Amino acid sequence: MKKVYFLFTVVVSVLFASCFEAEEKTVINSDESGTYSITMDISGMMQQLESMTGKSADNEDGPQKKDSVFYFKDYTDTSTTLTAEEKVLLQDGSLGIHVDSETDEMKFVITVPFKNTKQLPVLKEALANAMDKIKMNDKLMEGEAPGQLDAMAPKGPGASMAVNPLQGAFSLSIGDKMITNKLTDPSFVNDMLAANPSLQSIKQMAPMFGDLKYKTTYVLPGAVKNYKGSNATVSDDKKTISFTSNLTDMFDTPNILEYEVEY
């Protein structure tokens, strides 16, 4: 699918927060292995893009229906820009895409397994940078994509910042049955906004479009014993905990993304 990865930045750039939900999910098994995934649901976006660009998401044969999976291994094996550590971390990852222009459904899922939880902080930091390094957005140009989406594609490096734009401000620590996400650079957000006019516009206009919902979820091998964090929900069996925030809060009070979980 043509330039699929740029869609993560398109979501942020064109302010369709009202129909955009993202979930960062970590599943930890009893042996401390697991999977890290990012799901972005942009259903409802194509109709709004069509009204803006005048270009339909349908192709000559009718509505577009795509269910594709791209495996990172196909790119990491031949990359000359990734470090050895990045290749090991990402080689078993994948990017899944579901698009149905008839029902206006669009969903993207990045999934990367890990062997132990100590890899998680490095994995989260390396993911966006590595996808930029292997230029996955360019490699995915070889397929087909809704024409109005290609028209909105941003150019230049750093397209993957939308995976987690505030990641650089935080430090994730994994201890013995303890997970902590701490704001370590409060100036990061203001500096990022000052350097990026698009993000400034997003911050100003987000209240008019409805806020982007961002959820961080952990599925744990044992029950949650204690936790700290804003807007937390815990499952009945206490093995799944989620922290939910929105775009305005992320910019205005980034410490809302801090959390601590003991299990």
C-alpha atoms as a PDB file:
ATOM      1  CA  MET A   1       0.000   0.000   0.000  1.00  0.00           C
ATOM      2  CA  LYS A   2       1.400   3.311  -1.120  1.00  0.00           C
ATOM      3  CA  LYS A   3       3.288   5.219   1.518  1.00  0.00           C
ATOM      4  CA  VAL A   4       1.294   3.616   4.312  1.00  0.00           C
ATOM      5  CA  TYR A   5       3.492   4.639   7.184  1.00  0.00           C
ATOM      6  CA  PHE A   6       3.059   8.354   6.491  1.00  0.00           C
ATOM      7  CA  LEU A   7      -0.572   7.995   7.541  1.00  0.00           C
ATOM      8  CA  PHE A   8       0.442   8.136  11.175  1.00  0.00           C
ATOM      9  CA  THR A   9       1.722  11.655  10.598  1.00  0.00           C
ATOM     10  CA  VAL A  10      -1.231  12.510   8.365  1.00  0.00           C
ATOM     11  CA  VAL A  11      -3.501  11.761  11.305  1.00  0.00           C
ATOM     12  CA  VAL A  12      -1.739  14.351  13.395  1.00  0.00           C
ATOM     13  CA  SER A  13      -1.262  16.836  10.578  1.00  0.00           C
ATOM     14  CA  VAL A  14      -4.833  17.086   9.315  1.00  0.00           C
ATOM     15  CA  LEU A  15      -6.469  17.253  12.747  1.00  0.00           C
ATOM     16  CA  PHE A  16      -8.944  14.429  12.515  1.00  0.00           C
ATOM     17  CA  ALA A  17      -8.695  13.860  16.224  1.00  0.00           C
ATOM     18  CA  SER A  18     -12.445  13.379  16.511  1.00  0.00           C
ATOM     19  CA  CYS A  19     -12.173  10.026  14.730  1.00  0.00           C
ATOM     20  CA  PHE A  20      -8.694   9.051  15.833  1.00  0.00           C
ATOM     21  CA  GLU A  21      -7.867   6.689  18.653  1.00  0.00           C
ATOM     22  CA  ALA A  22      -4.451   5.260  19.449  1.00  0.00           C
ATOM     23  CA  GLU A  23      -3.498   2.530  21.878  1.00  0.00           C
ATOM     24  CA  GLU A  24       0.002   1.631  22.984  1.00  0.00           C
ATOM     25  CA  LYS A  25      -0.269  -1.899  24.380  1.00  0.00           C
ATOM     26  CA  THR A  26       2.287  -4.085  26.126  1.00  0.00           C
ATOM     27  CA  VAL A  27       1.544  -7.742  26.872  1.00  0.00           C
ATOM     28  CA  ILE A  28       3.937  -9.310  29.402  1.00  0.00           C
ATOM     29  CA  ASN A  29       4.045 -13.086  29.796  1.00  0.00           C
ATOM     30  CA  SER A  30       4.988 -15.008  32.930  1.00  0.00           C
ATOM     31  CA  ASP A  31       8.544 -15.498  31.628  1.00  0.00           C
ATOM     32  CA  GLU A  32       8.871 -11.704  31.052  1.00  0.00           C
ATOM     33  CA  SER A  33       8.673 -12.063  27.262  1.00  0.00           C
ATOM     34  CA  GLY A  34       5.800 -10.430  25.407  1.00  0.00           C
ATOM     35  CA  THR A  35       4.670  -8.077  22.659  1.00  0.00           C
ATOM     36  CA  TYR A  36       4.648  -4.312  22.242  1.00  0.00           C
ATOM     37  CA  SER A  37       2.083  -2.889  19.833  1.00  0.00           C
ATOM     38  CA  ILE A  38       0.672   0.415  18.658  1.00  0.00           C
ATOM     39  CA  THR A  39      -2.825   0.454  17.163  1.00  0.00           C
ATOM     40  CA  MET A  40      -4.117   3.506  15.322  1.00  0.00           C
ATOM     41  CA  ASP A  41      -7.783   3.537  14.379  1.00  0.00           C
ATOM     42  CA  ILE A  42      -8.598   6.287  11.902  1.00  0.00           C
ATOM     43  CA  SER A  43     -12.017   5.038  10.818  1.00  0.00           C
ATOM     44  CA  GLY A  44     -14.094   7.873   9.411  1.00  0.00           C
ATOM     45  CA  MET A  45     -11.066   9.695   8.059  1.00  0.00           C
ATOM     46  CA  MET A  46     -11.433   8.973   4.340  1.00  0.00           C
ATOM     47  CA  GLN A  47     -14.764  10.740   3.932  1.00  0.00           C
ATOM     48  CA  GLN A  48     -13.366  13.837   5.624  1.00  0.00           C
ATOM     49  CA  LEU A  49     -10.259  13.737   3.430  1.00  0.00           C
ATOM     50  CA  GLU A  50     -12.424  13.410   0.343  1.00  0.00           C
ATOM     51  CA  SER A  51     -14.334  16.549   1.286  1.00  0.00           C
ATOM     52  CA  MET A  52     -11.026  18.408   1.731  1.00  0.00           C
ATOM     53  CA  THR A  53      -9.090  17.147  -1.288  1.00  0.00           C
ATOM     54  CA  GLY A  54     -11.854  16.276  -3.757  1.00  0.00           C
ATOM     55  CA  LYS A  55     -10.173  12.908  -4.278  1.00  0.00           C
ATOM     56  CA  SER A  56     -12.025   9.680  -3.610  1.00  0.00           C
ATOM     57  CA  ALA A  57     -10.513   6.758  -1.724  1.00  0.00           C
ATOM     58  CA  ASP A  58     -12.128   4.377  -4.228  1.00  0.00           C
ATOM     59  CA  ASN A  59     -10.203   3.140  -7.246  1.00  0.00           C
ATOM     60  CA  GLU A  60     -11.336   2.362 -10.788  1.00  0.00           C
ATOM     61  CA  ASP A  61     -12.654  -1.038  -9.721  1.00  0.00           C
ATOM     62  CA  GLY A  62     -14.730   0.335  -6.885  1.00  0.00           C
ATOM     63  CA  PRO A  63     -14.201   0.573  -3.106  1.00  0.00           C
ATOM     64  CA  GLN A  64     -10.732  -0.208  -1.789  1.00  0.00           C
ATOM     65  CA  LYS A  65     -10.456  -3.177   0.540  1.00  0.00           C
ATOM     66  CA  LYS A  66      -7.006  -3.948   1.887  1.00  0.00           C
ATOM     67  CA  ASP A  67      -5.793  -6.333   4.558  1.00  0.00           C
ATOM     68  CA  SER A  68      -2.021  -6.459   4.395  1.00  0.00           C
ATOM     69  CA  VAL A  69       0.893  -7.307   6.672  1.00  0.00           C
ATOM     70  CA  PHE A  70       4.429  -5.997   6.126  1.00  0.00           C
ATOM     71  CA  TYR A  71       7.205  -7.773   8.003  1.00  0.00           C
ATOM     72  CA  PHE A  72      10.120  -5.687   9.257  1.00  0.00           C
ATOM     73  CA  LYS A  73      12.498  -8.578   8.557  1.00  0.00           C
ATOM     74  CA  ASP A  74      12.140  -7.920   4.826  1.00  0.00           C
ATOM     75  CA  TYR A  75      13.715  -4.504   5.438  1.00  0.00           C
ATOM     76  CA  THR A  76      15.986  -4.984   8.447  1.00  0.00           C
ATOM     77  CA  ASP A  77      17.939  -7.838   6.819  1.00  0.00           C
ATOM     78  CA  THR A  78      19.184  -5.574   4.032  1.00  0.00           C
ATOM     79  CA  SER A  79      19.416  -2.301   5.956  1.00  0.00           C
ATOM     80  CA  THR A  80      22.793  -0.595   6.122  1.00  0.00           C
ATOM     81  CA  THR A  81      21.587   2.143   8.483  1.00  0.00           C
ATOM     82  CA  LEU A  82      20.246   0.134  11.426  1.00  0.00           C
ATOM     83  CA  THR A  83      22.508  -0.779  14.299  1.00  0.00           C
ATOM     84  CA  ALA A  84      22.961  -4.440  15.173  1.00  0.00           C
ATOM     85  CA  GLU A  85      20.821  -3.907  18.288  1.00  0.00           C
ATOM     86  CA  GLU A  86      18.003  -2.307  16.285  1.00  0.00           C
ATOM     87  CA  LYS A  87      18.014  -5.201  13.818  1.00  0.00           C
ATOM     88  CA  VAL A  88      17.680  -7.737  16.627  1.00  0.00           C
ATOM     89  CA  LEU A  89      14.901  -5.790  18.342  1.00  0.00           C
ATOM     90  CA  LEU A  90      12.819  -5.182  15.226  1.00  0.00           C
ATOM     91  CA  GLN A  91      13.434  -8.169  12.960  1.00  0.00           C
ATOM     92  CA  ASP A  92      10.327 -10.052  14.132  1.00  0.00           C
ATOM     93  CA  GLY A  93       8.046  -7.010  14.035  1.00  0.00           C
ATOM     94  CA  SER A  94       5.256  -6.296  11.582  1.00  0.00           C
ATOM     95  CA  LEU A  95       2.891  -3.593  10.352  1.00  0.00           C
ATOM     96  CA  GLY A  96      -0.705  -4.650   9.704  1.00  0.00           C
ATOM     97  CA  ILE A  97      -3.088  -2.532   7.656  1.00  0.00           C
ATOM     98  CA  HIS A  98      -6.855  -2.760   7.269  1.00  0.00           C
ATOM     99  CA  VAL A  99      -8.593  -0.380   4.863  1.00  0.00           C
ATOM    100  CA  ASP A 100     -12.184  -0.505   3.617  1.00  0.00           C
ATOM    101  CA  SER A 101     -13.235   2.666   1.813  1.00  0.00           C
ATOM    102  CA  GLU A 102     -16.833   1.455   1.527  1.00  0.00           C
ATOM    103  CA  THR A 103     -17.303   1.374   5.311  1.00  0.00           C
ATOM    104  CA  ASP A 104     -14.682   4.095   5.880  1.00  0.00           C
ATOM    105  CA  GLU A 105     -12.577   1.844   8.085  1.00  0.00           C
ATOM    106  CA  MET A 106      -8.844   2.361   8.456  1.00  0.00           C
ATOM    107  CA  LYS A 107      -6.643   0.738  11.086  1.00  0.00           C
ATOM    108  CA  PHE A 108      -2.898   0.234  11.483  1.00  0.00           C
ATOM    109  CA  VAL A 109      -1.201  -2.085  13.958  1.00  0.00           C
ATOM    110  CA  ILE A 110       2.553  -2.154  14.626  1.00  0.00           C
ATOM    111  CA  THR A 111       3.551  -5.264  16.597  1.00  0.00           C
ATOM    112  CA  VAL A 112       7.019  -6.099  17.901  1.00  0.00           C
ATOM    113  CA  PRO A 113       7.780  -9.054  20.219  1.00  0.00           C
ATOM    114  CA  PHE A 114      10.417  -8.863  22.941  1.00  0.00           C
ATOM    115  CA  LYS A 115      12.293 -11.559  24.846  1.00  0.00           C
ATOM    116  CA  ASN A 116      12.349  -9.829  28.220  1.00  0.00           C
ATOM    117  CA  THR A 117      10.935  -6.669  29.730  1.00  0.00           C
ATOM    118  CA  LYS A 118      14.366  -5.058  30.019  1.00  0.00           C
ATOM    119  CA  GLN A 119      14.277  -4.655  26.232  1.00  0.00           C
ATOM    120  CA  LEU A 120      11.131  -2.518  26.406  1.00  0.00           C
ATOM    121  CA  PRO A 121      12.676   0.911  27.106  1.00  0.00           C
ATOM    122  CA  VAL A 122      15.165   0.463  24.257  1.00  0.00           C
ATOM    123  CA  LEU A 123      12.510  -0.964  21.954  1.00  0.00           C
ATOM    124  CA  LYS A 124      10.129   1.953  22.473  1.00  0.00           C
ATOM    125  CA  GLU A 125      12.884   4.480  21.860  1.00  0.00           C
ATOM    126  CA  ALA A 126      14.296   2.642  18.842  1.00  0.00           C
ATOM    127  CA  LEU A 127      11.054   1.878  17.017  1.00  0.00           C
ATOM    128  CA  ALA A 128      10.257   5.252  15.461  1.00  0.00           C
ATOM    129  CA  ASN A 129      13.899   6.064  14.689  1.00  0.00           C
ATOM    130  CA  ALA A 130      14.468   2.682  13.082  1.00  0.00           C
ATOM    131  CA  MET A 131      11.404   2.969  10.859  1.00  0.00           C
ATOM    132  CA  ASP A 132      12.749   6.288   9.645  1.00  0.00           C
ATOM    133  CA  LYS A 133      16.163   4.757   9.013  1.00  0.00           C
ATOM    134  CA  ILE A 134      14.837   1.958   6.826  1.00  0.00           C
ATOM    135  CA  LYS A 135      12.565   4.460   5.022  1.00  0.00           C
ATOM    136  CA  MET A 136       9.612   2.159   5.306  1.00  0.00           C
ATOM    137  CA  ASN A 137       7.230   4.873   4.120  1.00  0.00           C
ATOM    138  CA  ASP A 138       9.101   4.992   0.790  1.00  0.00           C
ATOM    139  CA  LYS A 139       9.315   1.225   0.438  1.00  0.00           C
ATOM    140  CA  LEU A 140       5.557   0.935   0.854  1.00  0.00           C
ATOM    141  CA  MET A 141       5.020   3.256  -2.124  1.00  0.00           C
ATOM    142  CA  GLU A 142       5.164   0.229  -4.413  1.00  0.00           C
ATOM    143  CA  GLY A 143       1.543  -0.770  -3.796  1.00  0.00           C
ATOM    144  CA  GLU A 144      -1.760   1.052  -4.112  1.00  0.00           C
ATOM    145  CA  ALA A 145      -3.336   3.589  -1.762  1.00  0.00           C
ATOM    146  CA  PRO A 146      -6.353   5.890  -1.709  1.00  0.00           C
ATOM    147  CA  GLY A 147      -5.418   8.803  -3.971  1.00  0.00           C
ATOM    148  CA  GLN A 148      -6.491  11.505  -1.524  1.00  0.00           C
ATOM    149  CA  LEU A 149      -4.192  10.002   1.122  1.00  0.00           C
ATOM    150  CA  ASP A 150      -1.168  10.209  -1.145  1.00  0.00           C
ATOM    151  CA  ALA A 151      -2.058  13.853  -1.798  1.00  0.00           C
ATOM    152  CA  MET A 152      -1.830  14.552   1.948  1.00  0.00           C
ATOM    153  CA  ALA A 153       1.494  12.741   2.445  1.00  0.00           C
ATOM    154  CA  PRO A 154       4.083  14.780   4.344  1.00  0.00           C
ATOM    155  CA  LYS A 155       7.603  14.909   2.985  1.00  0.00           C
ATOM    156  CA  GLY A 156      11.009  14.819   4.627  1.00  0.00           C
ATOM    157  CA  PRO A 157      12.569  12.941   7.548  1.00  0.00           C
ATOM    158  CA  GLY A 158      10.981  12.328  10.906  1.00  0.00           C
ATOM    159  CA  ALA A 159       7.601  11.151   9.588  1.00  0.00           C
ATOM    160  CA  SER A 160       7.473   8.499  12.277  1.00  0.00           C
ATOM    161  CA  MET A 161       7.330  10.990  15.153  1.00  0.00           C
ATOM    162  CA  ALA A 162       3.584  10.419  15.265  1.00  0.00           C
ATOM    163  CA  VAL A 163       4.133   6.953  16.717  1.00  0.00           C
ATOM    164  CA  ASN A 164       4.845   8.640  20.025  1.00  0.00           C
ATOM    165  CA  PRO A 165       5.682  12.345  19.608  1.00  0.00           C
ATOM    166  CA  LEU A 166       6.408  12.933  23.314  1.00  0.00           C
ATOM    167  CA  GLN A 167       8.529   9.842  23.870  1.00  0.00           C
ATOM    168  CA  GLY A 168      11.723  11.916  24.124  1.00  0.00           C
ATOM    169  CA  ALA A 169      10.417  13.684  27.228  1.00  0.00           C
ATOM    170  CA  PHE A 170       9.954  10.501  29.246  1.00  0.00           C
ATOM    171  CA  SER A 171      11.998   7.706  30.753  1.00  0.00           C
ATOM    172  CA  LEU A 172      10.512   4.207  31.029  1.00  0.00           C
ATOM    173  CA  SER A 173      11.944   2.017  33.781  1.00  0.00           C
ATOM    174  CA  ILE A 174      11.303  -1.698  34.195  1.00  0.00           C
ATOM    175  CA  GLY A 175      12.188  -3.223  37.567  1.00  0.00           C
ATOM    176  CA  ASP A 176      11.157  -6.295  39.519  1.00  0.00           C
ATOM    177  CA  LYS A 177       7.385  -6.390  38.903  1.00  0.00           C
ATOM    178  CA  MET A 178       7.469  -2.586  38.621  1.00  0.00           C
ATOM    179  CA  ILE A 179       6.911  -0.327  35.603  1.00  0.00           C
ATOM    180  CA  THR A 180       7.475   3.430  35.830  1.00  0.00           C
ATOM    181  CA  ASN A 181       7.062   6.101  33.166  1.00  0.00           C
ATOM    182  CA  LYS A 182       8.546   9.394  34.370  1.00  0.00           C
ATOM    183  CA  LEU A 183       8.662  12.862  32.807  1.00  0.00           C
ATOM    184  CA  THR A 184      12.370  13.715  32.738  1.00  0.00           C
ATOM    185  CA  ASP A 185      12.448  16.703  30.361  1.00  0.00           C
ATOM    186  CA  PRO A 186       9.524  19.124  30.926  1.00  0.00           C
ATOM    187  CA  SER A 187      10.973  21.563  28.373  1.00  0.00           C
ATOM    188  CA  PHE A 188      10.833  18.936  25.589  1.00  0.00           C
ATOM    189  CA  VAL A 189       7.195  19.594  24.719  1.00  0.00           C
ATOM    190  CA  ASN A 190       7.526  23.383  24.530  1.00  0.00           C
ATOM    191  CA  ASP A 191      10.702  23.074  22.470  1.00  0.00           C
ATOM    192  CA  MET A 192       9.016  20.640  20.109  1.00  0.00           C
ATOM    193  CA  LEU A 193       5.998  22.913  19.687  1.00  0.00           C
ATOM    194  CA  ALA A 194       8.220  25.935  19.055  1.00  0.00           C
ATOM    195  CA  ALA A 195      10.061  24.080  16.307  1.00  0.00           C
ATOM    196  CA  ASN A 196       7.010  22.611  14.582  1.00  0.00           C
ATOM    197  CA  PRO A 197       4.312  24.969  13.198  1.00  0.00           C
ATOM    198  CA  SER A 198       2.059  22.008  12.365  1.00  0.00           C
ATOM    199  CA  LEU A 199       1.947  20.938  15.991  1.00  0.00           C
ATOM    200  CA  GLN A 200       1.215  24.525  17.043  1.00  0.00           C
ATOM    201  CA  SER A 201      -1.829  24.503  14.759  1.00  0.00           C
ATOM    202  CA  ILE A 202      -2.933  21.159  16.135  1.00  0.00           C
ATOM    203  CA  LYS A 203      -2.766  22.426  19.693  1.00  0.00           C
ATOM    204  CA  GLN A 204      -4.817  25.513  18.817  1.00  0.00           C
ATOM    205  CA  MET A 205      -7.462  23.727  16.767  1.00  0.00           C
ATOM    206  CA  ALA A 206      -7.825  20.424  18.632  1.00  0.00           C
ATOM    207  CA  PRO A 207     -10.685  21.695  20.845  1.00  0.00           C
ATOM    208  CA  MET A 208     -12.760  22.432  17.726  1.00  0.00           C
ATOM    209  CA  PHE A 209     -12.301  18.961  16.259  1.00  0.00           C
ATOM    210  CA  GLY A 210     -12.498  16.847  19.385  1.00  0.00           C
ATOM    211  CA  ASP A 211      -9.472  15.512  21.161  1.00  0.00           C
ATOM    212  CA  LEU A 212      -7.353  12.598  20.037  1.00  0.00           C
ATOM    213  CA  LYS A 213      -7.606   9.734  22.514  1.00  0.00           C
ATOM    214  CA  TYR A 214      -4.361   8.033  23.506  1.00  0.00           C
ATOM    215  CA  LYS A 215      -4.384   4.931  25.682  1.00  0.00           C
ATOM    216  CA  THR A 216      -1.477   3.087  27.288  1.00  0.00           C
ATOM    217  CA  THR A 217      -2.340  -0.486  28.266  1.00  0.00           C
ATOM    218  CA  TYR A 218      -0.436  -3.223  30.087  1.00  0.00           C
ATOM    219  CA  VAL A 219      -1.598  -6.844  30.152  1.00  0.00           C
ATOM    220  CA  LEU A 220       0.322  -8.415  33.027  1.00  0.00           C
ATOM    221  CA  PRO A 221       1.100 -11.974  34.176  1.00  0.00           C
ATOM    222  CA  GLY A 222      -0.106 -11.136  37.680  1.00  0.00           C
ATOM    223  CA  ALA A 223      -2.652  -8.889  39.340  1.00  0.00           C
ATOM    224  CA  VAL A 224      -1.949  -5.180  39.769  1.00  0.00           C
ATOM    225  CA  LYS A 225      -1.039  -4.504  43.395  1.00  0.00           C
ATOM    226  CA  ASN A 226      -0.563  -0.746  43.312  1.00  0.00           C
ATOM    227  CA  TYR A 227      -0.615   1.958  40.672  1.00  0.00           C
ATOM    228  CA  LYS A 228      -0.346   5.697  40.161  1.00  0.00           C
ATOM    229  CA  GLY A 229      -1.504   7.581  37.088  1.00  0.00           C
ATOM    230  CA  SER A 230      -4.295   9.654  35.598  1.00  0.00           C
ATOM    231  CA  ASN A 231      -7.528   8.243  34.189  1.00  0.00           C
ATOM    232  CA  ALA A 232      -6.635   4.643  35.024  1.00  0.00           C
ATOM    233  CA  THR A 233      -8.925   1.667  34.538  1.00  0.00           C
ATOM    234  CA  VAL A 234      -8.252  -1.852  35.826  1.00  0.00           C
ATOM    235  CA  SER A 235      -9.896  -5.029  34.565  1.00  0.00           C
ATOM    236  CA  ASP A 236     -11.958  -7.258  36.850  1.00  0.00           C
ATOM    237  CA  ASP A 237      -9.126  -9.788  37.140  1.00  0.00           C
ATOM    238  CA  LYS A 238      -6.711  -6.882  37.826  1.00  0.00           C
ATOM    239  CA  LYS A 239      -4.278  -8.140  35.194  1.00  0.00           C
ATOM    240  CA  THR A 240      -4.968  -5.379  32.654  1.00  0.00           C
ATOM    241  CA  ILE A 241      -4.491  -1.686  33.391  1.00  0.00           C
ATOM    242  CA  SER A 242      -4.950   1.265  31.035  1.00  0.00           C
ATOM    243  CA  PHE A 243      -4.149   4.970  31.297  1.00  0.00           C
ATOM    244  CA  THR A 244      -6.065   7.276  28.952  1.00  0.00           C
ATOM    245  CA  SER A 245      -5.221  10.842  27.959  1.00  0.00           C
ATOM    246  CA  ASN A 246      -6.015  13.223  25.127  1.00  0.00           C
ATOM    247  CA  LEU A 247      -4.047  15.484  22.823  1.00  0.00           C
ATOM    248  CA  THR A 248      -4.720  18.727  24.691  1.00  0.00           C
ATOM    249  CA  ASP A 249      -3.615  17.230  28.000  1.00  0.00           C
ATOM    250  CA  MET A 250      -0.482  15.788  26.391  1.00  0.00           C
ATOM    251  CA  PHE A 251       0.578  19.254  25.256  1.00  0.00           C
ATOM    252  CA  ASP A 252      -0.623  21.330  28.218  1.00  0.00           C
ATOM    253  CA  THR A 253       0.187  18.972  31.088  1.00  0.00           C
ATOM    254  CA  PRO A 254       2.554  16.280  29.746  1.00  0.00           C
ATOM    255  CA  ASN A 255       3.073  14.867  33.232  1.00  0.00           C
ATOM    256  CA  ILE A 256      -0.400  13.359  32.832  1.00  0.00           C
ATOM    257  CA  LEU A 257       1.413  10.626  30.920  1.00  0.00           C
ATOM    258  CA  GLU A 258       3.386   9.618  34.002  1.00  0.00           C
ATOM    259  CA  TYR A 259       2.413   6.331  35.636  1.00  0.00           C
ATOM    260  CA  GLU A 260       3.652   3.635  37.979  1.00  0.00           C
ATOM    261  CA  VAL A 261       2.446   0.035  38.120  1.00  0.00           C
ATOM    262  CA  GLU A 262       3.380  -2.691  40.600  1.00  0.00           C
ATOM    263  CA  TYR A 263       2.179  -6.230  39.959  1.00  0.00           C
END
